[in-house]
């Protein structure tokens, strides 16, 4: 459970000071705050702190922010990891109509989660664990969730198309479907109450 994550007082650093101004004094409280923010893209994902200004964030932005906050407070054993998984109707309900319309069972997705002591956490999910099978993961820095993550994702799609011997589609087409799925996810989140953190 998420309570296995370390908790600590927020003391030093720019993000910590912004949290303290909101009355958020420790890491678990910061997780609760970030978790309840609506799903949505910020204007610049290379600056995770924008989620506090724009009051929204994707899964990658939220985890990048929390890892950056942890590192400010010398909790360097919390890692930001970039994960690959297959987005399908089972793990991403909002994407189901688009996948069906494009005659695809799944498409490759890349997102960022948190790793602590070899355990992977999705702090945006009700259970604090990923609701999908992680195919692979690598550690990245919070600043890499922009162009680096996008390039990695496009390369991953290209390899996936070759491996699966999918000839009727292209990287560009899969990316278009993916972007449409992201928008469908955003709309689905805007129509329901966000889950609260279990800490």
N, C-alpha and C. Protein backbone atom coordinates (compact mmCIF):
# COMPACT_ATOMS: atom_id res chain seq x y z
N UNK A 1 0.83 -1.19 0.00
CA UNK A 1 0.00 0.00 0.00
C UNK A 1 0.87 1.25 0.00
N UNK A 2 0.24 2.38 -0.29
CA UNK A 2 1.00 3.61 -0.40
C UNK A 2 1.63 4.04 0.91
N UNK A 3 1.09 3.55 2.04
CA UNK A 3 1.63 3.95 3.32
C UNK A 3 3.04 3.42 3.52
N UNK A 4 3.52 2.52 2.65
CA UNK A 4 4.90 2.05 2.76
C UNK A 4 5.88 3.09 2.25
N UNK A 5 5.39 4.10 1.56
CA UNK A 5 6.27 5.18 1.12
C UNK A 5 6.70 6.00 2.32
N UNK A 6 7.94 6.50 2.31
CA UNK A 6 8.40 7.31 3.45
C UNK A 6 7.65 8.63 3.52
N UNK A 7 7.49 9.12 4.75
CA UNK A 7 6.93 10.44 4.94
C UNK A 7 7.98 11.32 5.61
N UNK A 8 7.97 12.59 5.29
CA UNK A 8 8.94 13.51 5.86
C UNK A 8 8.40 14.93 5.79
N UNK A 9 8.90 15.76 6.67
CA UNK A 9 8.52 17.15 6.68
C UNK A 9 9.09 17.86 5.46
N UNK A 10 8.34 18.77 4.88
CA UNK A 10 8.83 19.59 3.78
C UNK A 10 9.56 20.79 4.39
N UNK A 11 10.83 20.94 4.01
CA UNK A 11 11.63 21.98 4.65
C UNK A 11 12.30 22.91 3.64
N UNK A 12 13.05 22.34 2.70
CA UNK A 12 13.88 23.18 1.84
C UNK A 12 13.45 23.08 0.39
N UNK A 13 13.74 24.14 -0.37
CA UNK A 13 13.50 24.10 -1.80
C UNK A 13 12.28 24.88 -2.23
N UNK A 14 12.29 25.25 -3.50
CA UNK A 14 11.24 26.08 -4.07
C UNK A 14 9.86 25.41 -4.01
N UNK A 15 9.79 24.14 -4.40
CA UNK A 15 8.50 23.45 -4.38
C UNK A 15 7.99 23.28 -2.95
N UNK A 16 8.90 22.98 -2.04
CA UNK A 16 8.51 22.83 -0.63
C UNK A 16 7.91 24.12 -0.10
N UNK A 17 8.53 25.23 -0.43
CA UNK A 17 8.02 26.52 0.04
C UNK A 17 6.62 26.79 -0.51
N UNK A 18 6.38 26.43 -1.77
CA UNK A 18 5.06 26.61 -2.36
C UNK A 18 4.02 25.72 -1.68
N UNK A 19 4.43 24.51 -1.33
CA UNK A 19 3.53 23.60 -0.61
C UNK A 19 3.22 24.14 0.78
N UNK A 20 4.24 24.60 1.47
CA UNK A 20 4.06 25.12 2.83
C UNK A 20 3.11 26.31 2.85
N UNK A 21 3.16 27.13 1.80
CA UNK A 21 2.24 28.28 1.71
C UNK A 21 0.79 27.84 1.63
N UNK A 22 0.58 26.61 1.15
CA UNK A 22 -0.78 26.07 1.05
C UNK A 22 -1.16 25.27 2.30
N UNK A 23 -0.27 25.27 3.30
CA UNK A 23 -0.54 24.53 4.52
C UNK A 23 -0.23 23.05 4.40
N UNK A 24 0.53 22.67 3.38
CA UNK A 24 0.91 21.27 3.16
C UNK A 24 2.30 21.08 3.73
N UNK A 25 2.40 20.32 4.83
CA UNK A 25 3.64 20.30 5.61
C UNK A 25 4.48 19.05 5.44
N UNK A 26 3.93 17.97 4.88
CA UNK A 26 4.73 16.75 4.73
C UNK A 26 4.44 16.08 3.38
N UNK A 27 5.24 15.05 3.09
CA UNK A 27 5.19 14.43 1.77
C UNK A 27 3.86 13.73 1.52
N UNK A 28 3.32 13.04 2.50
CA UNK A 28 2.04 12.35 2.29
C UNK A 28 0.92 13.35 2.04
N UNK A 29 0.97 14.49 2.70
CA UNK A 29 -0.02 15.53 2.43
C UNK A 29 0.13 16.08 1.02
N UNK A 30 1.38 16.17 0.56
CA UNK A 30 1.64 16.62 -0.82
C UNK A 30 1.07 15.63 -1.82
N UNK A 31 1.19 14.34 -1.52
CA UNK A 31 0.62 13.31 -2.40
C UNK A 31 -0.89 13.48 -2.48
N UNK A 32 -1.54 13.70 -1.34
CA UNK A 32 -2.99 13.88 -1.33
C UNK A 32 -3.38 15.10 -2.17
N UNK A 33 -2.62 16.17 -2.04
CA UNK A 33 -2.93 17.39 -2.80
C UNK A 33 -2.79 17.15 -4.31
N UNK A 34 -1.68 16.55 -4.70
CA UNK A 34 -1.43 16.31 -6.12
C UNK A 34 -2.45 15.33 -6.70
N UNK A 35 -2.79 14.34 -5.92
CA UNK A 35 -3.70 13.31 -6.42
C UNK A 35 -5.08 13.87 -6.75
N UNK A 36 -5.56 14.82 -5.95
CA UNK A 36 -6.93 15.32 -6.17
C UNK A 36 -7.03 16.35 -7.29
N UNK A 37 -5.88 16.78 -7.83
CA UNK A 37 -5.93 17.72 -8.94
C UNK A 37 -6.49 17.03 -10.18
N UNK A 38 -7.30 17.71 -10.98
CA UNK A 38 -7.87 17.10 -12.19
C UNK A 38 -6.79 16.64 -13.17
N UNK A 39 -7.15 15.62 -13.93
CA UNK A 39 -6.26 15.15 -15.00
C UNK A 39 -6.28 16.16 -16.14
N UNK A 40 -5.11 16.55 -16.61
CA UNK A 40 -5.03 17.47 -17.74
C UNK A 40 -3.60 17.88 -18.00
N UNK A 41 -3.33 18.28 -19.21
CA UNK A 41 -1.98 18.70 -19.57
C UNK A 41 -1.72 20.13 -19.10
N UNK A 42 -0.52 20.35 -18.56
CA UNK A 42 -0.10 21.70 -18.23
C UNK A 42 0.48 22.35 -19.49
N UNK A 43 0.72 23.65 -19.43
CA UNK A 43 1.20 24.36 -20.62
C UNK A 43 2.64 24.02 -20.97
N UNK A 44 3.40 23.48 -20.02
CA UNK A 44 4.78 23.08 -20.30
C UNK A 44 5.16 21.95 -19.35
N UNK A 45 5.17 20.72 -19.86
CA UNK A 45 5.41 19.56 -19.00
C UNK A 45 6.84 19.51 -18.46
N UNK A 46 7.75 20.29 -19.04
CA UNK A 46 9.13 20.33 -18.53
C UNK A 46 9.22 21.09 -17.22
N UNK A 47 8.13 21.71 -16.81
CA UNK A 47 8.10 22.44 -15.55
C UNK A 47 6.94 21.88 -14.71
N UNK A 48 7.18 20.75 -14.02
CA UNK A 48 6.11 20.08 -13.27
C UNK A 48 5.43 20.98 -12.25
N UNK A 49 6.17 22.00 -11.74
CA UNK A 49 5.58 22.88 -10.73
C UNK A 49 4.37 23.67 -11.25
N UNK A 50 4.21 23.70 -12.58
CA UNK A 50 3.05 24.40 -13.15
C UNK A 50 1.72 23.78 -12.73
N UNK A 51 1.76 22.53 -12.28
CA UNK A 51 0.50 21.91 -11.86
C UNK A 51 -0.12 22.66 -10.69
N UNK A 52 0.73 23.34 -9.88
CA UNK A 52 0.20 24.11 -8.77
C UNK A 52 -0.47 25.39 -9.23
N UNK A 53 0.02 25.94 -10.34
CA UNK A 53 -0.54 27.18 -10.89
C UNK A 53 -1.78 26.88 -11.73
N UNK A 54 -1.66 25.85 -12.59
CA UNK A 54 -2.74 25.53 -13.53
C UNK A 54 -3.73 24.51 -12.97
N UNK A 55 -3.42 23.98 -11.79
CA UNK A 55 -4.31 23.10 -11.04
C UNK A 55 -4.78 21.89 -11.84
N UNK A 56 -3.85 21.28 -12.53
CA UNK A 56 -4.11 20.03 -13.24
C UNK A 56 -2.77 19.39 -13.56
N UNK A 57 -2.82 18.15 -13.99
CA UNK A 57 -1.58 17.48 -14.38
C UNK A 57 -1.86 16.09 -14.91
N UNK A 58 -1.01 15.63 -15.81
CA UNK A 58 -1.09 14.25 -16.27
C UNK A 58 -0.43 13.35 -15.24
N UNK A 59 -0.52 12.06 -15.44
CA UNK A 59 0.14 11.12 -14.54
C UNK A 59 1.64 11.38 -14.50
N UNK A 60 2.24 11.64 -15.66
CA UNK A 60 3.69 11.88 -15.71
C UNK A 60 4.07 13.15 -14.97
N UNK A 61 3.32 14.23 -15.19
CA UNK A 61 3.61 15.51 -14.54
C UNK A 61 3.46 15.39 -13.03
N UNK A 62 2.42 14.71 -12.58
CA UNK A 62 2.20 14.57 -11.14
C UNK A 62 3.33 13.80 -10.47
N UNK A 63 3.78 12.73 -11.09
CA UNK A 63 4.87 11.95 -10.49
C UNK A 63 6.20 12.70 -10.58
N UNK A 64 6.42 13.42 -11.67
CA UNK A 64 7.65 14.21 -11.79
C UNK A 64 7.70 15.27 -10.70
N UNK A 65 6.56 15.90 -10.45
CA UNK A 65 6.49 16.92 -9.38
C UNK A 65 6.82 16.30 -8.02
N UNK A 66 6.22 15.16 -7.71
CA UNK A 66 6.43 14.53 -6.40
C UNK A 66 7.87 14.07 -6.22
N UNK A 67 8.48 13.55 -7.27
CA UNK A 67 9.88 13.13 -7.17
C UNK A 67 10.79 14.34 -7.00
N UNK A 68 10.50 15.41 -7.73
CA UNK A 68 11.28 16.64 -7.59
C UNK A 68 11.15 17.18 -6.16
N UNK A 69 9.97 17.12 -5.63
CA UNK A 69 9.73 17.57 -4.26
C UNK A 69 10.50 16.70 -3.26
N UNK A 70 10.48 15.40 -3.48
CA UNK A 70 11.21 14.48 -2.60
C UNK A 70 12.71 14.75 -2.64
N UNK A 71 13.25 14.96 -3.82
CA UNK A 71 14.69 15.19 -3.95
C UNK A 71 15.10 16.51 -3.31
N UNK A 72 14.21 17.50 -3.33
CA UNK A 72 14.49 18.75 -2.63
C UNK A 72 14.74 18.51 -1.15
N UNK A 73 14.08 17.49 -0.63
CA UNK A 73 14.16 17.20 0.80
C UNK A 73 15.03 15.98 1.09
N UNK A 74 16.00 15.75 0.20
CA UNK A 74 17.02 14.70 0.36
C UNK A 74 16.47 13.28 0.39
N UNK A 75 15.26 13.09 -0.12
CA UNK A 75 14.71 11.74 -0.24
C UNK A 75 15.04 11.20 -1.63
N UNK A 76 16.32 10.96 -1.86
CA UNK A 76 16.80 10.59 -3.20
C UNK A 76 16.51 9.15 -3.56
N UNK A 77 15.97 8.36 -2.61
CA UNK A 77 15.67 6.96 -2.90
C UNK A 77 14.32 6.80 -3.60
N UNK A 78 13.58 7.90 -3.75
CA UNK A 78 12.37 7.86 -4.57
C UNK A 78 12.75 8.22 -6.00
N UNK A 79 12.42 7.35 -6.95
CA UNK A 79 12.85 7.51 -8.34
C UNK A 79 11.67 7.78 -9.25
N UNK A 80 11.90 8.59 -10.27
CA UNK A 80 10.92 8.78 -11.34
C UNK A 80 11.27 7.78 -12.43
N UNK A 81 10.33 6.93 -12.80
CA UNK A 81 10.60 5.94 -13.84
C UNK A 81 9.62 6.13 -15.00
N UNK A 82 10.14 5.91 -16.19
CA UNK A 82 9.33 5.95 -17.40
C UNK A 82 8.98 4.50 -17.76
N UNK A 83 7.68 4.22 -17.83
CA UNK A 83 7.19 2.86 -18.03
C UNK A 83 6.48 2.70 -19.37
N UNK A 84 6.60 1.53 -19.93
CA UNK A 84 5.84 1.19 -21.12
C UNK A 84 4.76 0.18 -20.75
N UNK A 85 3.60 0.31 -21.38
CA UNK A 85 2.53 -0.67 -21.20
C UNK A 85 1.62 -0.62 -22.41
N UNK A 86 0.77 -1.61 -22.53
CA UNK A 86 -0.19 -1.65 -23.63
C UNK A 86 -1.51 -1.03 -23.16
N UNK A 87 -1.88 0.10 -23.78
CA UNK A 87 -3.16 0.73 -23.47
C UNK A 87 -4.27 -0.04 -24.16
N UNK A 88 -5.22 -0.54 -23.38
CA UNK A 88 -6.32 -1.30 -23.97
C UNK A 88 -7.63 -0.95 -23.26
N UNK A 89 -8.70 -1.57 -23.68
CA UNK A 89 -10.02 -1.26 -23.12
C UNK A 89 -10.12 -1.65 -21.66
N UNK A 90 -9.34 -2.64 -21.24
CA UNK A 90 -9.40 -3.12 -19.86
C UNK A 90 -8.76 -2.13 -18.89
N UNK A 91 -7.57 -1.61 -19.23
CA UNK A 91 -6.88 -0.72 -18.29
C UNK A 91 -7.15 0.77 -18.55
N UNK A 92 -7.76 1.09 -19.68
CA UNK A 92 -8.08 2.49 -20.00
C UNK A 92 -9.45 2.52 -20.66
N UNK A 93 -10.47 2.52 -19.85
CA UNK A 93 -11.85 2.39 -20.35
C UNK A 93 -12.20 3.48 -21.36
N UNK A 94 -11.72 4.71 -21.10
CA UNK A 94 -12.08 5.83 -21.98
C UNK A 94 -11.53 5.65 -23.39
N UNK A 95 -10.48 4.84 -23.54
CA UNK A 95 -9.87 4.63 -24.85
C UNK A 95 -10.58 3.56 -25.67
N UNK A 96 -11.46 2.79 -25.05
CA UNK A 96 -12.08 1.64 -25.71
C UNK A 96 -12.78 1.99 -27.03
N UNK A 97 -13.63 3.02 -27.08
CA UNK A 97 -14.32 3.33 -28.35
C UNK A 97 -13.35 3.67 -29.48
N UNK A 98 -12.27 4.39 -29.17
CA UNK A 98 -11.30 4.77 -30.20
C UNK A 98 -10.51 3.57 -30.70
N UNK A 99 -10.15 2.68 -29.78
CA UNK A 99 -9.43 1.48 -30.19
C UNK A 99 -10.32 0.61 -31.07
N UNK A 100 -11.58 0.47 -30.69
CA UNK A 100 -12.52 -0.32 -31.47
C UNK A 100 -12.71 0.28 -32.86
N UNK A 101 -12.86 1.60 -32.91
CA UNK A 101 -13.08 2.29 -34.19
C UNK A 101 -11.90 2.12 -35.12
N UNK A 102 -10.70 1.97 -34.55
CA UNK A 102 -9.50 1.80 -35.36
C UNK A 102 -9.07 0.34 -35.48
N UNK A 103 -9.95 -0.56 -35.04
CA UNK A 103 -9.74 -2.01 -35.14
C UNK A 103 -8.41 -2.43 -34.51
N UNK A 104 -8.18 -1.92 -33.30
CA UNK A 104 -6.96 -2.26 -32.58
C UNK A 104 -7.33 -2.71 -31.17
N UNK A 105 -6.68 -3.75 -30.69
CA UNK A 105 -6.92 -4.23 -29.33
C UNK A 105 -6.16 -3.39 -28.31
N UNK A 106 -5.01 -2.87 -28.72
CA UNK A 106 -4.17 -2.10 -27.81
C UNK A 106 -3.17 -1.27 -28.61
N UNK A 107 -2.66 -0.22 -27.96
CA UNK A 107 -1.56 0.54 -28.54
C UNK A 107 -0.53 0.78 -27.44
N UNK A 108 0.75 0.92 -27.80
CA UNK A 108 1.78 1.11 -26.79
C UNK A 108 1.73 2.50 -26.18
N UNK A 109 1.80 2.56 -24.86
CA UNK A 109 1.76 3.83 -24.14
C UNK A 109 3.00 3.93 -23.24
N UNK A 110 3.45 5.15 -23.01
CA UNK A 110 4.57 5.43 -22.13
C UNK A 110 4.11 6.46 -21.10
N UNK A 111 4.34 6.16 -19.83
CA UNK A 111 3.96 7.09 -18.77
C UNK A 111 5.04 7.08 -17.70
N UNK A 112 4.91 7.96 -16.73
CA UNK A 112 5.89 8.03 -15.64
C UNK A 112 5.22 7.71 -14.31
N UNK A 113 5.91 6.89 -13.53
CA UNK A 113 5.45 6.49 -12.21
C UNK A 113 6.57 6.70 -11.20
N UNK A 114 6.34 6.27 -9.99
CA UNK A 114 7.33 6.41 -8.93
C UNK A 114 7.80 5.03 -8.49
N UNK A 115 9.10 4.91 -8.25
CA UNK A 115 9.64 3.65 -7.76
C UNK A 115 10.34 3.89 -6.43
N UNK A 116 10.09 2.99 -5.49
CA UNK A 116 10.73 3.06 -4.17
C UNK A 116 11.05 1.65 -3.72
N UNK A 117 12.34 1.38 -3.50
CA UNK A 117 12.79 0.05 -3.07
C UNK A 117 12.28 -1.04 -4.00
N UNK A 118 12.43 -0.82 -5.29
CA UNK A 118 12.05 -1.78 -6.34
C UNK A 118 10.54 -2.01 -6.45
N UNK A 119 9.74 -1.20 -5.79
CA UNK A 119 8.30 -1.30 -5.91
C UNK A 119 7.79 -0.10 -6.69
N UNK A 120 6.87 -0.36 -7.63
CA UNK A 120 6.35 0.70 -8.48
C UNK A 120 5.00 1.19 -7.96
N UNK A 121 4.86 2.51 -7.88
CA UNK A 121 3.64 3.13 -7.38
C UNK A 121 3.03 4.05 -8.44
N UNK A 122 1.72 3.99 -8.56
CA UNK A 122 0.97 4.97 -9.35
C UNK A 122 0.14 5.77 -8.37
N UNK A 123 0.62 6.94 -7.99
CA UNK A 123 -0.03 7.73 -6.95
C UNK A 123 -1.24 8.50 -7.46
N UNK A 124 -1.63 8.24 -8.70
CA UNK A 124 -2.88 8.82 -9.23
C UNK A 124 -4.01 7.79 -9.23
N UNK A 125 -3.71 6.54 -8.89
CA UNK A 125 -4.74 5.50 -8.90
C UNK A 125 -5.31 5.30 -7.50
N UNK A 126 -6.54 4.81 -7.39
CA UNK A 126 -7.16 4.60 -6.07
C UNK A 126 -6.38 3.64 -5.19
N UNK A 127 -5.69 2.67 -5.79
CA UNK A 127 -4.96 1.67 -5.02
C UNK A 127 -3.50 2.03 -4.78
N UNK A 128 -3.03 3.06 -5.45
CA UNK A 128 -1.62 3.49 -5.43
C UNK A 128 -0.71 2.55 -6.21
N UNK A 129 -1.29 1.60 -6.92
CA UNK A 129 -0.51 0.71 -7.77
C UNK A 129 -0.99 0.83 -9.22
N UNK A 130 -0.11 0.54 -10.18
CA UNK A 130 -0.53 0.63 -11.58
C UNK A 130 -1.68 -0.31 -11.89
N UNK A 131 -2.62 0.19 -12.70
CA UNK A 131 -3.74 -0.64 -13.12
C UNK A 131 -3.46 -1.31 -14.45
N UNK A 132 -2.17 -1.53 -14.73
CA UNK A 132 -1.75 -2.14 -15.98
C UNK A 132 -0.44 -2.87 -15.75
N UNK A 133 -0.11 -3.76 -16.66
CA UNK A 133 1.15 -4.50 -16.58
C UNK A 133 2.28 -3.65 -17.15
N UNK A 134 3.26 -3.35 -16.32
CA UNK A 134 4.42 -2.58 -16.77
C UNK A 134 5.33 -3.50 -17.58
N UNK A 135 5.54 -3.14 -18.85
CA UNK A 135 6.36 -3.97 -19.73
C UNK A 135 7.85 -3.73 -19.51
N UNK A 136 8.22 -2.46 -19.28
CA UNK A 136 9.62 -2.11 -19.04
C UNK A 136 9.65 -0.77 -18.34
N UNK A 137 10.77 -0.47 -17.68
CA UNK A 137 10.89 0.83 -17.04
C UNK A 137 12.35 1.26 -16.97
N UNK A 138 12.56 2.57 -17.07
CA UNK A 138 13.90 3.14 -16.91
C UNK A 138 13.77 4.39 -16.05
N UNK A 139 14.81 4.67 -15.27
CA UNK A 139 14.79 5.88 -14.44
C UNK A 139 15.13 7.09 -15.29
N UNK A 140 14.40 8.18 -15.07
CA UNK A 140 14.67 9.44 -15.77
C UNK A 140 14.62 10.58 -14.75
N UNK A 141 15.09 11.74 -15.19
CA UNK A 141 14.99 12.95 -14.37
C UNK A 141 13.67 13.65 -14.68
N UNK A 142 13.11 14.39 -13.73
CA UNK A 142 11.85 15.09 -13.98
C UNK A 142 11.86 15.95 -15.24
N UNK A 143 12.99 16.58 -15.56
CA UNK A 143 13.06 17.43 -16.75
C UNK A 143 12.97 16.65 -18.05
N UNK A 144 13.07 15.32 -17.99
CA UNK A 144 13.04 14.50 -19.20
C UNK A 144 11.63 14.07 -19.61
N UNK A 145 10.61 14.55 -18.92
CA UNK A 145 9.26 14.10 -19.27
C UNK A 145 8.70 14.83 -20.49
N UNK A 146 9.48 15.72 -21.09
CA UNK A 146 9.05 16.44 -22.28
C UNK A 146 9.53 15.77 -23.56
N UNK A 147 10.50 16.40 -24.22
CA UNK A 147 10.97 15.91 -25.52
C UNK A 147 11.59 14.52 -25.45
N UNK A 148 12.34 14.26 -24.38
CA UNK A 148 12.98 12.94 -24.25
C UNK A 148 11.92 11.84 -24.20
N UNK A 149 10.90 12.03 -23.38
CA UNK A 149 9.83 11.03 -23.26
C UNK A 149 9.10 10.86 -24.59
N UNK A 150 8.84 11.96 -25.28
CA UNK A 150 8.14 11.88 -26.57
C UNK A 150 8.97 11.09 -27.59
N UNK A 151 10.27 11.38 -27.69
CA UNK A 151 11.13 10.64 -28.63
C UNK A 151 11.18 9.16 -28.29
N UNK A 152 11.32 8.88 -27.02
CA UNK A 152 11.35 7.48 -26.57
C UNK A 152 10.05 6.77 -26.96
N UNK A 153 8.94 7.45 -26.77
CA UNK A 153 7.63 6.87 -27.07
C UNK A 153 7.49 6.59 -28.57
N UNK A 154 7.88 7.54 -29.40
CA UNK A 154 7.79 7.36 -30.85
C UNK A 154 8.67 6.20 -31.31
N UNK A 155 9.86 6.10 -30.74
CA UNK A 155 10.75 4.98 -31.09
C UNK A 155 10.16 3.65 -30.63
N UNK A 156 9.52 3.68 -29.49
CA UNK A 156 8.89 2.47 -28.96
C UNK A 156 7.74 2.02 -29.86
N UNK A 157 6.96 2.97 -30.34
CA UNK A 157 5.86 2.64 -31.26
C UNK A 157 6.42 2.02 -32.54
N UNK A 158 7.49 2.61 -33.06
CA UNK A 158 8.10 2.08 -34.29
C UNK A 158 8.57 0.64 -34.10
N UNK A 159 9.22 0.37 -32.97
CA UNK A 159 9.68 -1.00 -32.68
C UNK A 159 8.50 -1.95 -32.51
N UNK A 160 7.44 -1.45 -31.86
CA UNK A 160 6.24 -2.26 -31.63
C UNK A 160 5.58 -2.65 -32.96
N UNK A 161 5.49 -1.70 -33.89
CA UNK A 161 4.90 -2.00 -35.19
C UNK A 161 5.69 -3.08 -35.93
N UNK A 162 7.01 -3.01 -35.84
CA UNK A 162 7.85 -4.02 -36.49
C UNK A 162 7.71 -5.37 -35.80
N UNK A 163 7.73 -5.36 -34.48
CA UNK A 163 7.64 -6.61 -33.72
C UNK A 163 6.31 -7.32 -33.95
N UNK A 164 5.23 -6.52 -33.96
CA UNK A 164 3.89 -7.09 -34.14
C UNK A 164 3.54 -7.31 -35.62
N UNK A 165 4.46 -6.90 -36.51
CA UNK A 165 4.27 -7.05 -37.95
C UNK A 165 2.96 -6.37 -38.42
N UNK A 166 2.75 -5.17 -37.91
CA UNK A 166 1.57 -4.39 -38.28
C UNK A 166 1.93 -3.54 -39.49
N UNK A 167 1.39 -3.89 -40.64
CA UNK A 167 1.73 -3.22 -41.89
C UNK A 167 0.71 -2.16 -42.30
N UNK A 168 -0.49 -2.25 -41.73
CA UNK A 168 -1.57 -1.36 -42.17
C UNK A 168 -1.60 -0.03 -41.43
N UNK A 169 -0.60 0.20 -40.56
CA UNK A 169 -0.59 1.45 -39.81
C UNK A 169 0.81 2.05 -39.83
N UNK A 170 0.99 3.17 -39.12
CA UNK A 170 2.27 3.87 -39.10
C UNK A 170 2.45 4.51 -37.73
N UNK A 171 3.67 4.97 -37.46
CA UNK A 171 3.94 5.65 -36.20
C UNK A 171 3.02 6.86 -36.05
N UNK A 172 2.88 7.62 -37.14
CA UNK A 172 2.05 8.82 -37.11
C UNK A 172 0.59 8.48 -36.79
N UNK A 173 0.07 7.42 -37.39
CA UNK A 173 -1.32 7.02 -37.16
C UNK A 173 -1.53 6.57 -35.71
N UNK A 174 -0.61 5.77 -35.20
CA UNK A 174 -0.72 5.30 -33.81
C UNK A 174 -0.66 6.49 -32.86
N UNK A 175 0.21 7.45 -33.17
CA UNK A 175 0.33 8.63 -32.32
C UNK A 175 -0.98 9.45 -32.33
N UNK A 176 -1.62 9.55 -33.49
CA UNK A 176 -2.90 10.25 -33.58
C UNK A 176 -3.97 9.56 -32.74
N UNK A 177 -4.00 8.24 -32.80
CA UNK A 177 -4.95 7.48 -31.99
C UNK A 177 -4.66 7.71 -30.51
N UNK A 178 -3.39 7.69 -30.17
CA UNK A 178 -2.97 7.90 -28.79
C UNK A 178 -3.41 9.28 -28.29
N UNK A 179 -3.20 10.30 -29.10
CA UNK A 179 -3.59 11.65 -28.70
C UNK A 179 -5.10 11.76 -28.51
N UNK A 180 -5.85 11.10 -29.37
CA UNK A 180 -7.31 11.09 -29.22
C UNK A 180 -7.72 10.37 -27.94
N UNK A 181 -7.00 9.31 -27.60
CA UNK A 181 -7.27 8.59 -26.36
C UNK A 181 -7.00 9.47 -25.14
N UNK A 182 -5.90 10.22 -25.18
CA UNK A 182 -5.55 11.12 -24.08
C UNK A 182 -6.67 12.15 -23.87
N UNK A 183 -7.20 12.70 -24.96
CA UNK A 183 -8.28 13.66 -24.86
C UNK A 183 -9.54 13.01 -24.30
N UNK A 184 -9.80 11.77 -24.69
CA UNK A 184 -10.96 11.05 -24.17
C UNK A 184 -10.80 10.80 -22.67
N UNK A 185 -9.58 10.50 -22.24
CA UNK A 185 -9.30 10.30 -20.82
C UNK A 185 -9.55 11.59 -20.05
N UNK A 186 -9.07 12.70 -20.60
CA UNK A 186 -9.26 14.00 -19.95
C UNK A 186 -10.75 14.30 -19.76
N UNK A 187 -11.52 14.06 -20.80
CA UNK A 187 -12.96 14.34 -20.73
C UNK A 187 -13.64 13.42 -19.72
N UNK A 188 -13.22 12.17 -19.67
CA UNK A 188 -13.84 11.24 -18.73
C UNK A 188 -13.53 11.62 -17.29
N UNK A 189 -12.32 12.13 -17.04
CA UNK A 189 -11.94 12.55 -15.69
C UNK A 189 -12.70 13.80 -15.27
N UNK A 190 -13.02 14.66 -16.23
CA UNK A 190 -13.68 15.92 -15.89
C UNK A 190 -15.13 15.71 -15.49
N UNK A 191 -15.66 14.52 -15.73
CA UNK A 191 -17.07 14.27 -15.43
C UNK A 191 -17.26 13.44 -14.16
N UNK A 192 -16.14 13.14 -13.45
CA UNK A 192 -16.31 12.37 -12.21
C UNK A 192 -15.41 12.93 -11.12
N UNK A 193 -15.75 12.61 -9.91
CA UNK A 193 -14.97 13.08 -8.77
C UNK A 193 -13.63 12.35 -8.71
N UNK A 194 -12.57 13.09 -8.43
CA UNK A 194 -11.26 12.48 -8.33
C UNK A 194 -11.14 11.64 -7.08
N UNK A 195 -10.45 10.47 -7.14
CA UNK A 195 -10.28 9.64 -5.94
C UNK A 195 -9.34 10.31 -4.95
N UNK A 196 -9.60 10.08 -3.66
CA UNK A 196 -8.72 10.63 -2.63
C UNK A 196 -7.60 9.66 -2.33
N UNK A 197 -6.50 10.19 -1.81
CA UNK A 197 -5.34 9.36 -1.48
C UNK A 197 -5.67 8.48 -0.26
N UNK A 198 -5.08 7.29 -0.19
CA UNK A 198 -5.38 6.38 0.91
C UNK A 198 -4.46 6.58 2.11
N UNK A 199 -3.55 7.55 2.05
CA UNK A 199 -2.67 7.80 3.20
C UNK A 199 -3.50 8.27 4.38
